[in-house]
Amino acid sequence: MAQADVLLSTDDRLLRNASRHQGVIGIVVDNPVTWLMNVLQA
């Protein structure tokens, strides 16, 4: 079974719901632009 570290989405409703239920879903859900900026800064 494949596993992912992050789910990238531009859907604002999905991002809001994912942040509310972060502990339940067990994966990081982020906006692609925000995620890329964070990765490039690290």
Protein backbone atom coordinates (compact mmCIF):
# COMPACT_ATOMS: atom_id res chain seq x y z
CA MET A 1 0.00 0.00 0.00
CA ALA A 2 1.30 3.44 -0.91
CA GLN A 3 1.67 6.13 1.72
CA ALA A 4 1.95 9.88 1.33
CA ASP A 5 3.48 12.48 3.62
CA VAL A 6 1.41 15.40 2.37
CA LEU A 7 -1.75 16.06 0.35
CA LEU A 8 -1.62 19.25 -1.70
CA SER A 9 -4.87 20.94 -2.65
CA THR A 10 -6.13 24.33 -3.76
CA ASP A 11 -9.65 23.59 -2.48
CA ASP A 12 -10.21 26.03 0.41
CA ARG A 13 -13.08 24.00 1.87
CA LEU A 14 -10.95 20.85 1.92
CA LEU A 15 -8.06 22.73 3.55
CA ARG A 16 -10.33 24.16 6.28
CA ASN A 17 -11.92 20.79 7.02
CA ALA A 18 -8.55 19.04 7.04
CA SER A 19 -7.12 21.55 9.52
CA ARG A 20 -10.12 20.99 11.83
CA HIS A 21 -9.68 17.20 11.71
CA GLN A 22 -5.89 17.05 11.48
CA GLY A 23 -5.51 14.42 14.21
CA VAL A 24 -8.08 12.12 12.65
CA ILE A 25 -6.81 12.06 9.07
CA GLY A 26 -3.15 11.55 9.97
CA ILE A 27 -1.69 13.38 6.97
CA VAL A 28 -0.61 16.96 6.34
CA VAL A 29 -2.96 18.79 3.99
CA ASP A 30 -1.62 22.05 2.60
CA ASN A 31 -1.88 24.55 -0.21
CA PRO A 32 0.77 23.82 -2.88
CA VAL A 33 2.16 27.37 -2.84
CA THR A 34 2.39 27.47 0.97
CA TRP A 35 3.95 24.02 1.07
CA LEU A 36 6.56 24.91 -1.57
CA MET A 37 7.53 28.12 0.23
CA ASN A 38 8.01 26.15 3.47
CA VAL A 39 10.05 23.45 1.73
CA LEU A 40 12.32 25.97 0.03
CA GLN A 41 12.93 27.83 3.31
CA ALA A 42 13.96 24.65 5.14
